[in-house]
PDB file of all heavy atoms in Angstrom:
ATOM      1  N   ILE A   1      -6.333   5.491  -4.509  1.00  0.00           N
ATOM      2  CA  ILE A   1      -5.412   4.657  -5.289  1.00  0.00           C
ATOM      3  C   ILE A   1      -3.970   5.070  -5.042  1.00  0.00           C
ATOM      4  O   ILE A   1      -3.074   4.225  -4.893  1.00  0.00           O
ATOM      5  CB  ILE A   1      -5.758   4.738  -6.787  1.00  0.00           C
ATOM      6  CG1 ILE A   1      -7.110   4.057  -7.056  1.00  0.00           C
ATOM      7  CG2 ILE A   1      -4.675   4.082  -7.639  1.00  0.00           C
ATOM      8  CD1 ILE A   1      -7.593   4.220  -8.480  1.00  0.00           C
ATOM      9  N   LEU A   2      -3.718   6.384  -4.977  1.00  0.00           N
ATOM     10  CA  LEU A   2      -2.363   6.871  -4.743  1.00  0.00           C
ATOM     11  C   LEU A   2      -1.860   6.477  -3.352  1.00  0.00           C
ATOM     12  O   LEU A   2      -0.687   6.128  -3.176  1.00  0.00           O
ATOM     13  CB  LEU A   2      -2.317   8.397  -4.909  1.00  0.00           C
ATOM     14  CG  LEU A   2      -2.495   8.922  -6.328  1.00  0.00           C
ATOM     15  CD1 LEU A   2      -2.516  10.439  -6.342  1.00  0.00           C
ATOM     16  CD2 LEU A   2      -1.394   8.398  -7.253  1.00  0.00           C
ATOM     17  N   VAL A   3      -2.746   6.531  -2.357  1.00  0.00           N
ATOM     18  CA  VAL A   3      -2.365   6.132  -1.002  1.00  0.00           C
ATOM     19  C   VAL A   3      -2.020   4.643  -0.959  1.00  0.00           C
ATOM     20  O   VAL A   3      -1.003   4.227  -0.370  1.00  0.00           O
ATOM     21  CB  VAL A   3      -3.492   6.452  -0.006  1.00  0.00           C
ATOM     22  CG1 VAL A   3      -3.204   5.818   1.360  1.00  0.00           C
ATOM     23  CG2 VAL A   3      -3.649   7.954   0.146  1.00  0.00           C
ATOM     24  N   LEU A   4      -2.852   3.822  -1.584  1.00  0.00           N
ATOM     25  CA  LEU A   4      -2.587   2.381  -1.633  1.00  0.00           C
ATOM     26  C   LEU A   4      -1.294   2.090  -2.379  1.00  0.00           C
ATOM     27  O   LEU A   4      -0.505   1.224  -1.971  1.00  0.00           O
ATOM     28  CB  LEU A   4      -3.759   1.655  -2.297  1.00  0.00           C
ATOM     29  CG  LEU A   4      -5.070   1.635  -1.514  1.00  0.00           C
ATOM     30  CD1 LEU A   4      -6.171   0.987  -2.332  1.00  0.00           C
ATOM     31  CD2 LEU A   4      -4.896   0.882  -0.197  1.00  0.00           C
ATOM     32  N   LEU A   5      -1.054   2.822  -3.470  1.00  0.00           N
ATOM     33  CA  LEU A   5       0.171   2.622  -4.248  1.00  0.00           C
ATOM     34  C   LEU A   5       1.396   3.004  -3.423  1.00  0.00           C
ATOM     35  O   LEU A   5       2.425   2.301  -3.458  1.00  0.00           O
ATOM     36  CB  LEU A   5       0.106   3.461  -5.530  1.00  0.00           C
ATOM     37  CG  LEU A   5       1.274   3.297  -6.513  1.00  0.00           C
ATOM     38  CD1 LEU A   5       1.401   1.850  -6.952  1.00  0.00           C
ATOM     39  CD2 LEU A   5       1.073   4.203  -7.716  1.00  0.00           C
ATOM     40  N   ALA A   6       1.297   4.092  -2.659  1.00  0.00           N
ATOM     41  CA  ALA A   6       2.414   4.502  -1.806  1.00  0.00           C
ATOM     42  C   ALA A   6       2.683   3.463  -0.722  1.00  0.00           C
ATOM     43  O   ALA A   6       3.837   3.151  -0.406  1.00  0.00           O
ATOM     44  CB  ALA A   6       2.113   5.859  -1.170  1.00  0.00           C
ATOM     45  N   ALA A   7       1.598   2.909  -0.151  1.00  0.00           N
ATOM     46  CA  ALA A   7       1.761   1.876   0.873  1.00  0.00           C
ATOM     47  C   ALA A   7       2.437   0.636   0.296  1.00  0.00           C
ATOM     48  O   ALA A   7       3.296   0.023   0.950  1.00  0.00           O
ATOM     49  CB  ALA A   7       0.407   1.516   1.468  1.00  0.00           C
ATOM     50  N   LEU A   8       2.072   0.277  -0.917  1.00  0.00           N
ATOM     51  CA  LEU A   8       2.704  -0.876  -1.571  1.00  0.00           C
ATOM     52  C   LEU A   8       4.166  -0.589  -1.886  1.00  0.00           C
ATOM     53  O   LEU A   8       5.035  -1.450  -1.707  1.00  0.00           O
ATOM     54  CB  LEU A   8       1.950  -1.230  -2.851  1.00  0.00           C
ATOM     55  CG  LEU A   8       0.575  -1.872  -2.692  1.00  0.00           C
ATOM     56  CD1 LEU A   8      -0.104  -2.037  -4.040  1.00  0.00           C
ATOM     57  CD2 LEU A   8       0.697  -3.226  -1.997  1.00  0.00           C
ATOM     58  N   ALA A   9       4.456   0.619  -2.362  1.00  0.00           N
ATOM     59  CA  ALA A   9       5.833   0.965  -2.730  1.00  0.00           C
ATOM     60  C   ALA A   9       6.753   0.968  -1.522  1.00  0.00           C
ATOM     61  O   ALA A   9       7.941   0.639  -1.631  1.00  0.00           O
ATOM     62  CB  ALA A   9       5.856   2.330  -3.412  1.00  0.00           C
ATOM     63  N   LEU A  10       6.223   1.322  -0.347  1.00  0.00           N
ATOM     64  CA  LEU A  10       7.043   1.402   0.862  1.00  0.00           C
ATOM     65  C   LEU A  10       7.054   0.097   1.654  1.00  0.00           C
ATOM     66  O   LEU A  10       7.674   0.046   2.727  1.00  0.00           O
ATOM     67  CB  LEU A  10       6.524   2.536   1.755  1.00  0.00           C
ATOM     68  CG  LEU A  10       6.624   3.949   1.171  1.00  0.00           C
ATOM     69  CD1 LEU A  10       5.962   4.951   2.107  1.00  0.00           C
ATOM     70  CD2 LEU A  10       8.081   4.334   0.920  1.00  0.00           C
ATOM     71  N   LEU A  11       6.405  -0.942   1.137  1.00  0.00           N
ATOM     72  CA  LEU A  11       6.320  -2.210   1.861  1.00  0.00           C
ATOM     73  C   LEU A  11       7.686  -2.782   2.257  1.00  0.00           C
ATOM     74  O   LEU A  11       7.844  -3.293   3.375  1.00  0.00           O
ATOM     75  CB  LEU A  11       5.547  -3.239   1.029  1.00  0.00           C
ATOM     76  CG  LEU A  11       5.388  -4.630   1.657  1.00  0.00           C
ATOM     77  CD1 LEU A  11       4.563  -4.537   2.934  1.00  0.00           C
ATOM     78  CD2 LEU A  11       4.765  -5.600   0.672  1.00  0.00           C
ATOM     79  N   PRO A  12       8.713  -2.725   1.382  1.00  0.00           N
ATOM     80  CA  PRO A  12      10.032  -3.262   1.800  1.00  0.00           C
ATOM     81  C   PRO A  12      10.625  -2.591   3.032  1.00  0.00           C
ATOM     82  O   PRO A  12      11.506  -3.169   3.686  1.00  0.00           O
ATOM     83  CB  PRO A  12      10.910  -3.003   0.559  1.00  0.00           C
ATOM     84  CG  PRO A  12       9.956  -2.998  -0.585  1.00  0.00           C
ATOM     85  CD  PRO A  12       8.721  -2.337  -0.034  1.00  0.00           C
ATOM     86  N   LEU A  13      10.146  -1.392   3.375  1.00  0.00           N
ATOM     87  CA  LEU A  13      10.698  -0.689   4.535  1.00  0.00           C
ATOM     88  C   LEU A  13      10.137  -1.214   5.853  1.00  0.00           C
ATOM     89  O   LEU A  13      10.811  -1.131   6.889  1.00  0.00           O
ATOM     90  CB  LEU A  13      10.413   0.814   4.428  1.00  0.00           C
ATOM     91  CG  LEU A  13      11.055   1.542   3.234  1.00  0.00           C
ATOM     92  CD1 LEU A  13      10.658   3.007   3.247  1.00  0.00           C
ATOM     93  CD2 LEU A  13      12.576   1.392   3.266  1.00  0.00           C
ATOM     94  N   TYR A  14       8.907  -1.754   5.803  1.00  0.00           N
ATOM     95  CA  TYR A  14       8.290  -2.201   7.055  1.00  0.00           C
ATOM     96  C   TYR A  14       7.823  -3.654   7.017  1.00  0.00           C
ATOM     97  O   TYR A  14       7.417  -4.202   8.048  1.00  0.00           O
ATOM     98  CB  TYR A  14       7.103  -1.294   7.418  1.00  0.00           C
ATOM     99  CG  TYR A  14       6.009  -1.248   6.381  1.00  0.00           C
ATOM    100  CD1 TYR A  14       5.009  -2.212   6.334  1.00  0.00           C
ATOM    101  CD2 TYR A  14       5.960  -0.218   5.441  1.00  0.00           C
ATOM    102  CE1 TYR A  14       4.001  -2.155   5.393  1.00  0.00           C
ATOM    103  CE2 TYR A  14       4.956  -0.153   4.499  1.00  0.00           C
ATOM    104  CZ  TYR A  14       3.975  -1.129   4.472  1.00  0.00           C
ATOM    105  OH  TYR A  14       2.993  -1.074   3.528  1.00  0.00           O
ATOM    106  N   GLY A  15       7.892  -4.295   5.857  1.00  0.00           N
ATOM    107  CA  GLY A  15       7.445  -5.677   5.752  1.00  0.00           C
ATOM    108  C   GLY A  15       8.559  -6.674   6.018  1.00  0.00           C
ATOM    109  O   GLY A  15       9.740  -6.388   5.813  1.00  0.00           O
ATOM    110  N   SER A  16       8.181  -7.862   6.477  1.00  0.00           N
ATOM    111  CA  SER A  16       9.151  -8.924   6.712  1.00  0.00           C
ATOM    112  C   SER A  16       9.590  -9.541   5.390  1.00  0.00           C
ATOM    113  O   SER A  16       9.002  -9.279   4.328  1.00  0.00           O
ATOM    114  CB  SER A  16       8.536 -10.009   7.601  1.00  0.00           C
ATOM    115  OG  SER A  16       7.455 -10.639   6.932  1.00  0.00           O
ATOM    116  N   ASP A  17      10.621 -10.368   5.424  1.00  0.00           N
ATOM    117  CA  ASP A  17      11.100 -11.036   4.212  1.00  0.00           C
ATOM    118  C   ASP A  17      10.013 -11.915   3.607  1.00  0.00           C
ATOM    119  O   ASP A  17       9.871 -11.987   2.382  1.00  0.00           O
ATOM    120  CB  ASP A  17      12.340 -11.885   4.531  1.00  0.00           C
ATOM    121  CG  ASP A  17      13.548 -11.035   4.906  1.00  0.00           C
ATOM    122  OD1 ASP A  17      13.543  -9.824   4.574  1.00  0.00           O
ATOM    123  OD2 ASP A  17      14.481 -11.567   5.525  1.00  0.00           O
ATOM    124  N   THR A  18       9.252 -12.579   4.450  1.00  0.00           N
ATOM    125  CA  THR A  18       8.174 -13.448   3.962  1.00  0.00           C
ATOM    126  C   THR A  18       7.098 -12.634   3.251  1.00  0.00           C
ATOM    127  O   THR A  18       6.612 -13.035   2.185  1.00  0.00           O
ATOM    128  CB  THR A  18       7.541 -14.221   5.133  1.00  0.00           C
ATOM    129  OG1 THR A  18       8.547 -14.991   5.796  1.00  0.00           O
ATOM    130  CG2 THR A  18       6.445 -15.148   4.635  1.00  0.00           C
ATOM    131  N   ILE A  19       6.732 -11.495   3.812  1.00  0.00           N
ATOM    132  CA  ILE A  19       5.726 -10.632   3.198  1.00  0.00           C
ATOM    133  C   ILE A  19       6.220 -10.100   1.854  1.00  0.00           C
ATOM    134  O   ILE A  19       5.463 -10.040   0.868  1.00  0.00           O
ATOM    135  CB  ILE A  19       5.374  -9.460   4.136  1.00  0.00           C
ATOM    136  CG1 ILE A  19       4.650  -9.980   5.385  1.00  0.00           C
ATOM    137  CG2 ILE A  19       4.505  -8.433   3.415  1.00  0.00           C
ATOM    138  CD1 ILE A  19       3.307 -10.613   5.100  1.00  0.00           C
ATOM    139  N   ILE A  20       7.487  -9.728   1.785  1.00  0.00           N
ATOM    140  CA  ILE A  20       8.044  -9.205   0.533  1.00  0.00           C
ATOM    141  C   ILE A  20       8.040 -10.281  -0.547  1.00  0.00           C
ATOM    142  O   ILE A  20       7.678 -10.024  -1.702  1.00  0.00           O
ATOM    143  CB  ILE A  20       9.470  -8.668   0.757  1.00  0.00           C
ATOM    144  CG1 ILE A  20       9.436  -7.458   1.692  1.00  0.00           C
ATOM    145  CG2 ILE A  20      10.115  -8.276  -0.572  1.00  0.00           C
ATOM    146  CD1 ILE A  20      10.813  -6.979   2.103  1.00  0.00           C
ATOM    147  N   GLN A  21       8.420 -11.504  -0.183  1.00  0.00           N
ATOM    148  CA  GLN A  21       8.420 -12.598  -1.152  1.00  0.00           C
ATOM    149  C   GLN A  21       7.001 -12.919  -1.624  1.00  0.00           C
ATOM    150  O   GLN A  21       6.775 -13.153  -2.815  1.00  0.00           O
ATOM    151  CB  GLN A  21       9.074 -13.829  -0.537  1.00  0.00           C
ATOM    152  CG  GLN A  21      10.566 -13.674  -0.296  1.00  0.00           C
ATOM    153  CD  GLN A  21      11.159 -14.819   0.493  1.00  0.00           C
ATOM    154  OE1 GLN A  21      10.461 -15.756   0.880  1.00  0.00           O
ATOM    155  NE2 GLN A  21      12.453 -14.738   0.764  1.00  0.00           N
ATOM    156  N   PHE A  22       6.064 -12.905  -0.685  1.00  0.00           N
ATOM    157  CA  PHE A  22       4.661 -13.093  -1.066  1.00  0.00           C
ATOM    158  C   PHE A  22       4.197 -11.964  -1.979  1.00  0.00           C
ATOM    159  O   PHE A  22       3.458 -12.181  -2.939  1.00  0.00           O
ATOM    160  CB  PHE A  22       3.784 -13.147   0.186  1.00  0.00           C
ATOM    161  CG  PHE A  22       2.318 -13.113  -0.093  1.00  0.00           C
ATOM    162  CD1 PHE A  22       1.669 -14.218  -0.624  1.00  0.00           C
ATOM    163  CD2 PHE A  22       1.568 -11.963   0.148  1.00  0.00           C
ATOM    164  CE1 PHE A  22       0.308 -14.185  -0.903  1.00  0.00           C
ATOM    165  CE2 PHE A  22       0.213 -11.917  -0.116  1.00  0.00           C
ATOM    166  CZ  PHE A  22      -0.417 -13.037  -0.644  1.00  0.00           C
ATOM    167  N   GLY A  23       4.660 -10.740  -1.683  1.00  0.00           N
ATOM    168  CA  GLY A  23       4.292  -9.591  -2.512  1.00  0.00           C
ATOM    169  C   GLY A  23       4.818  -9.726  -3.930  1.00  0.00           C
ATOM    170  O   GLY A  23       4.113  -9.387  -4.892  1.00  0.00           O
ATOM    171  N   ILE A  24       6.021 -10.231  -4.105  1.00  0.00           N
ATOM    172  CA  ILE A  24       6.580 -10.402  -5.447  1.00  0.00           C
ATOM    173  C   ILE A  24       5.726 -11.373  -6.253  1.00  0.00           C
ATOM    174  O   ILE A  24       5.349 -11.103  -7.398  1.00  0.00           O
ATOM    175  CB  ILE A  24       8.034 -10.913  -5.367  1.00  0.00           C
ATOM    176  CG1 ILE A  24       8.933  -9.862  -4.699  1.00  0.00           C
ATOM    177  CG2 ILE A  24       8.567 -11.234  -6.757  1.00  0.00           C
ATOM    178  CD1 ILE A  24      10.331 -10.374  -4.389  1.00  0.00           C
ATOM    179  N   SER A  25       5.403 -12.509  -5.649  1.00  0.00           N
ATOM    180  CA  SER A  25       4.582 -13.506  -6.343  1.00  0.00           C
ATOM    181  C   SER A  25       3.208 -12.946  -6.712  1.00  0.00           C
ATOM    182  O   SER A  25       2.719 -13.141  -7.823  1.00  0.00           O
ATOM    183  CB  SER A  25       4.416 -14.753  -5.463  1.00  0.00           C
ATOM    184  OG  SER A  25       5.655 -15.357  -5.187  1.00  0.00           O
ATOM    185  N   THR A  26       2.600 -12.224  -5.760  1.00  0.00           N
ATOM    186  CA  THR A  26       1.264 -11.673  -5.996  1.00  0.00           C
ATOM    187  C   THR A  26       1.280 -10.600  -7.077  1.00  0.00           C
ATOM    188  O   THR A  26       0.407 -10.568  -7.949  1.00  0.00           O
ATOM    189  CB  THR A  26       0.701 -11.093  -4.693  1.00  0.00           C
ATOM    190  OG1 THR A  26       0.669 -12.116  -3.694  1.00  0.00           O
ATOM    191  CG2 THR A  26      -0.709 -10.553  -4.909  1.00  0.00           C
ATOM    192  N   LEU A  27       2.266  -9.729  -7.043  1.00  0.00           N
ATOM    193  CA  LEU A  27       2.365  -8.665  -8.039  1.00  0.00           C
ATOM    194  C   LEU A  27       2.582  -9.236  -9.437  1.00  0.00           C
ATOM    195  O   LEU A  27       1.985  -8.756 -10.418  1.00  0.00           O
ATOM    196  CB  LEU A  27       3.498  -7.705  -7.677  1.00  0.00           C
ATOM    197  CG  LEU A  27       3.272  -6.830  -6.441  1.00  0.00           C
ATOM    198  CD1 LEU A  27       4.550  -6.070  -6.088  1.00  0.00           C
ATOM    199  CD2 LEU A  27       2.115  -5.853  -6.661  1.00  0.00           C
ATOM    200  N   LEU A  28       3.415 -10.260  -9.546  1.00  0.00           N
ATOM    201  CA  LEU A  28       3.669 -10.861 -10.852  1.00  0.00           C
ATOM    202  C   LEU A  28       2.419 -11.574 -11.374  1.00  0.00           C
ATOM    203  O   LEU A  28       2.118 -11.527 -12.577  1.00  0.00           O
ATOM    204  CB  LEU A  28       4.839 -11.837 -10.779  1.00  0.00           C
ATOM    205  CG  LEU A  28       6.214 -11.198 -10.559  1.00  0.00           C
ATOM    206  CD1 LEU A  28       7.290 -12.268 -10.447  1.00  0.00           C
ATOM    207  CD2 LEU A  28       6.553 -10.233 -11.698  1.00  0.00           C
ATOM    208  N   LEU A  29       1.671 -12.225 -10.480  1.00  0.00           N
ATOM    209  CA  LEU A  29       0.407 -12.835 -10.904  1.00  0.00           C
ATOM    210  C   LEU A  29      -0.590 -11.772 -11.353  1.00  0.00           C
ATOM    211  O   LEU A  29      -1.346 -11.979 -12.317  1.00  0.00           O
ATOM    212  CB  LEU A  29      -0.183 -13.656  -9.752  1.00  0.00           C
ATOM    213  CG  LEU A  29       0.432 -15.035  -9.511  1.00  0.00           C
ATOM    214  CD1 LEU A  29      -0.127 -15.645  -8.237  1.00  0.00           C
ATOM    215  CD2 LEU A  29       0.169 -15.957 -10.697  1.00  0.00           C
ATOM    216  N   ALA A  30      -0.593 -10.631 -10.666  1.00  0.00           N
ATOM    217  CA  ALA A  30      -1.479  -9.534 -11.065  1.00  0.00           C
ATOM    218  C   ALA A  30      -1.092  -8.995 -12.437  1.00  0.00           C
ATOM    219  O   ALA A  30      -1.964  -8.644 -13.246  1.00  0.00           O
ATOM    220  CB  ALA A  30      -1.428  -8.415 -10.014  1.00  0.00           C
TER     221      ALA A  30
END
């Protein structure tokens, strides 16, 4: 869980703008 959480937290460093926007929507739905 900690590894997955770290990967999610660092997503803005390696993810594209589209992935980040999708991530915001998904996180808020969660």
